């Protein structure tokens, strides 16, 4: 615990020093810096004093930034909230005969007697043996002889027999043709409806959306078939587990959809603004260039004083572009 916190603070210090070096020594118009420490810390130390200590470090740095003649955004890609229970959806899919697992009997026996990659690593560290160095030198065949304490999900799935699998945060994929090489499902809509009904019957499931509706863009072919949102206090476990609903042990908090946006600078209006994460790119682009980009998702938001004073005519810009493209000689 103490070692983790010490390393985390060193990482913050190193990143902030890097930000300072780049800002002072490089030419830039838009500077983008990412600080991941708050994410790592909130997962493990939610509600604890250590969280406040790290926020004080970052707040002090933000105080120095706002003294400069810059426009500053503080944006998170998600929010955070307490987690009490974990939903292991792949385990639920397995129990409901949507997902079929093929178990390697030899590896299973080794796990049962306590021989696993994790346990071997702990032993080697106690013997002061360079675990990473040894791992890099071992052939793959030897590495694979020792199982992980939990089996690798995707190596364990029987793809010829499985109809559904879960991957990521709330993403449900149907093993369908022609999307997957070993796809077996043909009635996609029927299976979607069946899954929705069963999952919504669970007390902790908040909402289920269709992947095509959430991801309408050009990369839609890669979207999940269904996206499951859980109620606050619940989060997803990626692996298989003894039970599909279990107490949260390895984390205290997890991601929520609503994040934050703070903005400061002489060009920022003193007002509240409702922004989606996809609004930042077109808004900042317009601020820097006075132009909009055709086909870009998101909207230009009126959060800047000088953008407010100039009339934003996004639809007019699109109309002008459309007129230019018309071939009058056709």
Protein backbone atom coordinates (compact mmCIF):
# COMPACT_ATOMS: atom_id res chain seq x y z
CA UNK A 1 0.00 0.00 0.00
CA UNK A 2 2.68 2.50 1.02
CA UNK A 3 4.90 1.50 -1.91
CA UNK A 4 2.01 2.01 -4.34
CA UNK A 5 1.24 5.49 -2.97
CA UNK A 6 4.91 6.46 -3.08
CA UNK A 7 5.24 5.33 -6.71
CA UNK A 8 2.01 7.11 -7.64
CA UNK A 9 3.24 10.44 -6.23
CA UNK A 10 6.57 10.03 -8.06
CA UNK A 11 4.64 9.42 -11.30
CA UNK A 12 2.56 12.59 -10.78
CA UNK A 13 5.68 14.66 -10.08
CA UNK A 14 7.44 13.27 -13.20
CA UNK A 15 4.44 13.99 -15.46
CA UNK A 16 3.95 17.53 -14.20
CA UNK A 17 7.66 18.23 -14.72
CA UNK A 18 7.32 16.88 -18.27
CA UNK A 19 4.28 19.11 -18.92
CA UNK A 20 6.26 22.14 -17.72
CA UNK A 21 9.29 21.29 -19.85
CA UNK A 22 7.22 20.83 -23.03
CA UNK A 23 5.15 23.98 -22.49
CA UNK A 24 8.24 26.13 -21.88
CA UNK A 25 10.54 24.64 -24.54
CA UNK A 26 8.25 23.78 -27.46
CA UNK A 27 6.08 25.85 -29.77
CA UNK A 28 2.41 24.99 -29.32
CA UNK A 29 -1.13 26.25 -29.83
CA UNK A 30 -2.97 23.36 -28.22
CA UNK A 31 -1.33 21.45 -25.38
CA UNK A 32 -2.89 18.17 -24.24
CA UNK A 33 -1.65 16.54 -21.03
CA UNK A 34 -3.09 13.41 -19.41
CA UNK A 35 -2.85 12.64 -15.70
CA UNK A 36 -3.97 9.09 -14.88
CA UNK A 37 -3.12 9.03 -11.16
CA UNK A 38 -6.61 10.08 -10.04
CA UNK A 39 -8.12 7.15 -11.94
CA UNK A 40 -5.74 4.58 -10.46
CA UNK A 41 -6.17 5.99 -6.97
CA UNK A 42 -9.97 6.22 -6.99
CA UNK A 43 -10.31 2.55 -7.94
CA UNK A 44 -8.41 1.51 -4.82
CA UNK A 45 -8.63 4.37 -2.27
CA UNK A 46 -12.16 5.72 -2.75
CA UNK A 47 -13.29 7.70 0.30
CA UNK A 48 -9.87 7.63 1.96
CA UNK A 49 -7.54 10.44 3.07
CA UNK A 50 -4.86 9.44 0.53
CA UNK A 51 -7.22 10.52 -2.25
CA UNK A 52 -7.40 14.03 -0.78
CA UNK A 53 -3.59 14.22 -0.59
CA UNK A 54 -3.22 13.54 -4.33
CA UNK A 55 -5.99 15.97 -5.24
CA UNK A 56 -4.14 18.66 -3.25
CA UNK A 57 -0.99 18.01 -5.32
CA UNK A 58 -2.89 18.42 -8.58
CA UNK A 59 -4.89 21.39 -7.31
CA UNK A 60 -1.65 23.19 -6.45
CA UNK A 61 -0.40 22.67 -10.01
CA UNK A 62 -3.70 23.88 -11.49
CA UNK A 63 -3.33 27.01 -9.35
CA UNK A 64 0.00 27.72 -11.07
CA UNK A 65 -1.50 27.15 -14.53
CA UNK A 66 -4.35 29.63 -14.11
CA UNK A 67 -1.87 32.39 -13.25
CA UNK A 68 -0.70 32.25 -16.88
CA UNK A 69 -2.31 33.83 -19.93
CA UNK A 70 -3.81 30.59 -21.21
CA UNK A 71 -7.24 29.04 -21.68
CA UNK A 72 -7.40 25.95 -19.49
CA UNK A 73 -9.72 22.94 -19.68
CA UNK A 74 -9.91 20.19 -17.07
CA UNK A 75 -11.82 17.30 -18.61
CA UNK A 76 -12.42 13.74 -17.49
CA UNK A 77 -13.38 10.93 -19.86
CA UNK A 78 -15.70 9.43 -17.23
CA UNK A 79 -16.91 9.88 -13.67
CA UNK A 80 -16.44 7.69 -10.60
CA UNK A 81 -18.59 6.07 -7.94
CA UNK A 82 -18.44 3.53 -5.14
CA UNK A 83 -18.61 -0.19 -6.03
CA UNK A 84 -20.08 -2.77 -3.67
CA UNK A 85 -20.75 -5.74 -5.96
CA UNK A 86 -19.31 -7.10 -9.21
CA UNK A 87 -21.35 -8.62 -12.04
CA UNK A 88 -19.33 -11.28 -13.87
CA UNK A 89 -21.33 -11.30 -17.06
CA UNK A 90 -19.34 -14.02 -18.81
CA UNK A 91 -20.10 -16.29 -15.85
CA UNK A 92 -23.79 -15.37 -16.17
CA UNK A 93 -23.67 -16.11 -19.91
CA UNK A 94 -22.04 -19.47 -19.17
CA UNK A 95 -24.67 -20.43 -16.60
CA UNK A 96 -27.44 -19.44 -19.02
CA UNK A 97 -25.95 -21.55 -21.86
CA UNK A 98 -24.95 -18.63 -24.10
CA UNK A 99 -21.21 -19.13 -23.54
CA UNK A 100 -19.44 -22.51 -23.61
CA UNK A 101 -16.03 -23.03 -22.00
CA UNK A 102 -13.56 -25.76 -22.90
CA UNK A 103 -11.31 -26.53 -19.93
CA UNK A 104 -7.75 -27.86 -20.26
CA UNK A 105 -7.71 -30.69 -17.68
CA UNK A 106 -3.93 -30.57 -17.10
CA UNK A 107 -3.94 -26.83 -16.39
CA UNK A 108 -7.02 -27.25 -14.21
CA UNK A 109 -5.22 -29.81 -12.00
CA UNK A 110 -2.22 -27.46 -11.58
CA UNK A 111 -4.53 -24.64 -10.50
CA UNK A 112 -6.25 -26.87 -7.95
CA UNK A 113 -2.95 -27.74 -6.25
CA UNK A 114 -1.97 -24.07 -6.12
CA UNK A 115 0.55 -23.88 -8.99
CA UNK A 116 -0.13 -20.74 -10.97
CA UNK A 117 1.81 -17.94 -12.71
CA UNK A 118 0.97 -15.58 -9.85
CA UNK A 119 2.14 -17.97 -7.12
CA UNK A 120 5.34 -18.83 -9.00
CA UNK A 121 6.10 -15.09 -9.45
CA UNK A 122 5.64 -14.46 -5.71
CA UNK A 123 8.03 -17.33 -4.89
CA UNK A 124 10.68 -16.10 -7.35
CA UNK A 125 10.50 -12.57 -5.92
CA UNK A 126 11.01 -13.94 -2.40
CA UNK A 127 14.12 -15.74 -3.70
CA UNK A 128 15.23 -12.38 -5.22
CA UNK A 129 15.18 -13.74 -8.76
CA UNK A 130 14.60 -11.25 -11.62
CA UNK A 131 11.08 -12.36 -12.60
CA UNK A 132 10.73 -10.09 -15.66
CA UNK A 133 14.20 -10.99 -16.96
CA UNK A 134 13.46 -14.69 -16.58
CA UNK A 135 10.06 -14.35 -18.25
CA UNK A 136 11.59 -12.63 -21.30
CA UNK A 137 14.14 -15.44 -21.78
CA UNK A 138 11.76 -18.40 -21.42
CA UNK A 139 10.31 -19.95 -24.61
CA UNK A 140 6.54 -19.56 -25.06
CA UNK A 141 5.96 -23.31 -24.73
CA UNK A 142 7.48 -23.33 -21.22
CA UNK A 143 5.57 -20.20 -20.19
CA UNK A 144 2.29 -21.81 -21.22
CA UNK A 145 2.93 -24.92 -19.13
CA UNK A 146 2.17 -22.91 -15.97
CA UNK A 147 -1.44 -21.70 -15.85
CA UNK A 148 -2.71 -18.34 -14.63
CA UNK A 149 -4.73 -18.45 -11.39
CA UNK A 150 -7.75 -17.55 -13.53
CA UNK A 151 -7.93 -19.08 -17.03
CA UNK A 152 -7.53 -16.79 -20.05
CA UNK A 153 -11.13 -16.27 -21.09
CA UNK A 154 -10.67 -16.07 -24.84
CA UNK A 155 -8.39 -19.10 -24.99
CA UNK A 156 -10.98 -21.04 -22.98
CA UNK A 157 -14.07 -20.22 -25.06
CA UNK A 158 -15.47 -22.92 -27.33
CA UNK A 159 -16.25 -20.60 -30.23
CA UNK A 160 -18.07 -23.24 -32.28
CA UNK A 161 -20.64 -23.70 -29.50
CA UNK A 162 -20.84 -20.18 -27.98
CA UNK A 163 -23.51 -17.70 -29.04
CA UNK A 164 -22.62 -14.65 -26.91
CA UNK A 165 -19.59 -13.24 -25.09
CA UNK A 166 -18.86 -10.13 -23.00
CA UNK A 167 -15.83 -7.86 -23.35
CA UNK A 168 -14.99 -4.39 -22.03
CA UNK A 169 -17.32 -2.24 -19.93
CA UNK A 170 -20.89 -3.32 -20.66
CA UNK A 171 -20.20 -4.60 -24.18
CA UNK A 172 -22.10 -7.71 -25.28
CA UNK A 173 -21.11 -9.35 -28.59
CA UNK A 174 -23.14 -11.92 -30.48
CA UNK A 175 -21.04 -14.63 -32.17
CA UNK A 176 -22.62 -14.06 -35.57
CA UNK A 177 -21.80 -14.71 -39.18
CA UNK A 178 -20.04 -13.21 -41.10
CA UNK A 179 -18.57 -10.96 -38.39
CA UNK A 180 -16.72 -13.79 -36.65
CA UNK A 181 -14.93 -16.64 -38.41
CA UNK A 182 -16.57 -19.28 -36.18
CA UNK A 183 -19.88 -17.40 -35.86
CA UNK A 184 -22.94 -19.56 -35.41
CA UNK A 185 -25.87 -17.18 -34.71
CA UNK A 186 -28.22 -16.27 -37.55
CA UNK A 187 -31.30 -14.87 -35.75
CA UNK A 188 -29.57 -11.78 -34.34
CA UNK A 189 -32.68 -9.74 -33.46
CA UNK A 190 -34.37 -12.67 -31.72
CA UNK A 191 -31.32 -13.28 -29.54
CA UNK A 192 -30.96 -9.56 -28.75
CA UNK A 193 -34.58 -9.45 -27.55
CA UNK A 194 -34.11 -12.59 -25.43
CA UNK A 195 -30.93 -11.23 -23.81
CA UNK A 196 -32.54 -7.85 -23.08
CA UNK A 197 -35.51 -9.46 -21.32
CA UNK A 198 -33.34 -11.71 -19.16
CA UNK A 199 -30.78 -9.05 -18.24
CA UNK A 200 -33.37 -6.36 -17.45
CA UNK A 201 -34.98 -8.82 -15.02
CA UNK A 202 -31.82 -8.54 -12.88
CA UNK A 203 -32.35 -5.93 -10.13
CA UNK A 204 -28.98 -4.20 -10.70
CA UNK A 205 -29.27 -3.68 -14.49
CA UNK A 206 -30.22 -0.06 -15.23
CA UNK A 207 -30.49 0.08 -19.02
CA UNK A 208 -29.65 -1.84 -22.20
CA UNK A 209 -28.93 -0.02 -25.47
CA UNK A 210 -28.45 -1.25 -29.00
CA UNK A 211 -24.85 -0.86 -30.21
CA UNK A 212 -25.92 0.53 -33.58
CA UNK A 213 -27.84 3.35 -31.90
CA UNK A 214 -24.97 4.27 -29.55
CA UNK A 215 -22.29 4.10 -32.28
CA UNK A 216 -23.91 5.41 -35.49
CA UNK A 217 -20.64 6.44 -37.20
CA UNK A 218 -18.46 4.94 -39.92
CA UNK A 219 -16.87 2.41 -37.54
CA UNK A 220 -20.22 0.83 -36.66
CA UNK A 221 -19.08 -2.62 -37.79
CA UNK A 222 -16.83 -2.77 -34.70
CA UNK A 223 -19.53 -1.77 -32.21
CA UNK A 224 -20.95 -4.21 -29.61
CA UNK A 225 -24.40 -5.64 -30.27
CA UNK A 226 -25.74 -4.57 -26.88
CA UNK A 227 -24.45 -2.16 -24.21
CA UNK A 228 -25.47 -2.88 -20.63
CA UNK A 229 -25.48 -0.15 -17.96
CA UNK A 230 -25.56 -1.12 -14.30
CA UNK A 231 -27.04 0.81 -11.38
CA UNK A 232 -24.70 2.71 -9.05
CA UNK A 233 -22.86 0.45 -6.63
CA UNK A 234 -22.31 -2.27 -9.24
CA UNK A 235 -19.51 -2.85 -11.74
CA UNK A 236 -18.41 -5.46 -14.28
CA UNK A 237 -15.92 -8.26 -13.74
CA UNK A 238 -14.22 -9.33 -16.96
CA UNK A 239 -13.19 -12.88 -16.09
CA UNK A 240 -15.05 -16.03 -15.14
CA UNK A 241 -15.84 -16.42 -11.45
CA UNK A 242 -17.31 -18.99 -9.07
CA UNK A 243 -20.54 -16.96 -8.99
CA UNK A 244 -21.79 -14.30 -11.40
CA UNK A 245 -22.63 -11.74 -8.67
CA UNK A 246 -19.95 -11.29 -6.01
CA UNK A 247 -18.70 -8.74 -3.49
CA UNK A 248 -16.19 -6.21 -4.82
CA UNK A 249 -12.80 -7.09 -3.34
CA UNK A 250 -10.10 -5.73 -5.65
CA UNK A 251 -11.63 -2.26 -6.14
CA UNK A 252 -13.59 0.30 -4.14
CA UNK A 253 -14.88 2.42 -7.00
CA UNK A 254 -15.35 2.29 -10.75
CA UNK A 255 -16.34 4.38 -13.77
CA UNK A 256 -19.63 6.23 -14.19
CA UNK A 257 -20.80 7.80 -17.49
CA UNK A 258 -20.97 11.42 -16.27
CA UNK A 259 -17.58 13.11 -16.05
CA UNK A 260 -16.51 16.72 -15.42
CA UNK A 261 -15.58 19.78 -17.45
CA UNK A 262 -14.01 22.92 -15.99
CA UNK A 263 -12.81 25.83 -18.09
CA UNK A 264 -10.86 28.97 -17.16
CA UNK A 265 -9.46 31.93 -19.11
CA UNK A 266 -10.15 35.44 -20.30
CA UNK A 267 -12.17 34.14 -23.27
CA UNK A 268 -14.37 31.83 -21.18
CA UNK A 269 -17.90 32.96 -20.36
CA UNK A 270 -18.90 32.75 -16.70
CA UNK A 271 -21.73 30.32 -17.22
CA UNK A 272 -22.74 26.68 -17.00
CA UNK A 273 -22.62 24.65 -20.20
CA UNK A 274 -23.95 21.21 -21.05
CA UNK A 275 -21.24 19.42 -22.99
CA UNK A 276 -20.82 15.87 -24.26
CA UNK A 277 -17.27 14.56 -24.61
CA UNK A 278 -17.59 14.65 -28.43
CA UNK A 279 -18.31 18.42 -28.30
CA UNK A 280 -14.78 19.35 -27.22
CA UNK A 281 -13.03 18.71 -30.54
CA UNK A 282 -15.36 20.86 -32.73
CA UNK A 283 -15.63 23.57 -30.03
CA UNK A 284 -11.86 23.95 -29.58
CA UNK A 285 -11.27 23.69 -33.33
CA UNK A 286 -13.69 26.56 -33.93
CA UNK A 287 -12.02 28.61 -31.18
CA UNK A 288 -8.59 28.17 -32.79
CA UNK A 289 -9.54 28.47 -36.47
CA UNK A 290 -13.04 30.05 -36.72
CA UNK A 291 -13.94 27.05 -38.89
CA UNK A 292 -16.08 23.95 -38.54
CA UNK A 293 -15.19 20.55 -39.92
CA UNK A 294 -17.75 18.77 -42.07
CA UNK A 295 -18.68 15.31 -40.84
CA UNK A 296 -17.27 15.84 -37.34
CA UNK A 297 -19.50 14.52 -34.59
CA UNK A 298 -20.39 16.85 -31.73
CA UNK A 299 -21.48 20.48 -31.62
CA UNK A 300 -19.72 23.83 -31.28
CA UNK A 301 -20.74 25.09 -27.84
CA UNK A 302 -20.97 28.80 -27.00
CA UNK A 303 -18.62 28.80 -24.04
CA UNK A 304 -16.16 31.39 -25.39
CA UNK A 305 -16.79 35.14 -25.29
CA UNK A 306 -15.30 35.76 -28.71
CA UNK A 307 -17.18 32.84 -30.25
CA UNK A 308 -20.37 34.30 -28.75
CA UNK A 309 -19.67 37.71 -30.34
CA UNK A 310 -19.25 36.16 -33.79
CA UNK A 311 -22.40 34.48 -35.04
CA UNK A 312 -21.88 30.73 -35.29
CA UNK A 313 -23.35 29.57 -38.56
CA UNK A 314 -22.58 25.88 -38.75
CA UNK A 315 -25.63 25.07 -40.89
CA UNK A 316 -24.81 28.02 -43.15
CA UNK A 317 -21.25 26.75 -43.60
CA UNK A 318 -22.60 23.33 -44.56
CA UNK A 319 -25.02 24.92 -47.05
CA UNK A 320 -22.22 26.91 -48.69
CA UNK A 321 -20.14 23.76 -49.06
CA UNK A 322 -23.11 21.93 -50.59
CA UNK A 323 -23.70 24.75 -53.12
CA UNK A 324 -20.01 24.66 -54.14
CA UNK A 325 -20.23 20.94 -54.83
CA UNK A 326 -23.22 21.26 -57.20
CA UNK A 327 -22.31 20.74 -60.88
CA UNK A 328 -24.45 23.28 -62.78
CA UNK A 329 -23.34 21.91 -66.16
CA UNK A 330 -24.73 18.40 -65.44
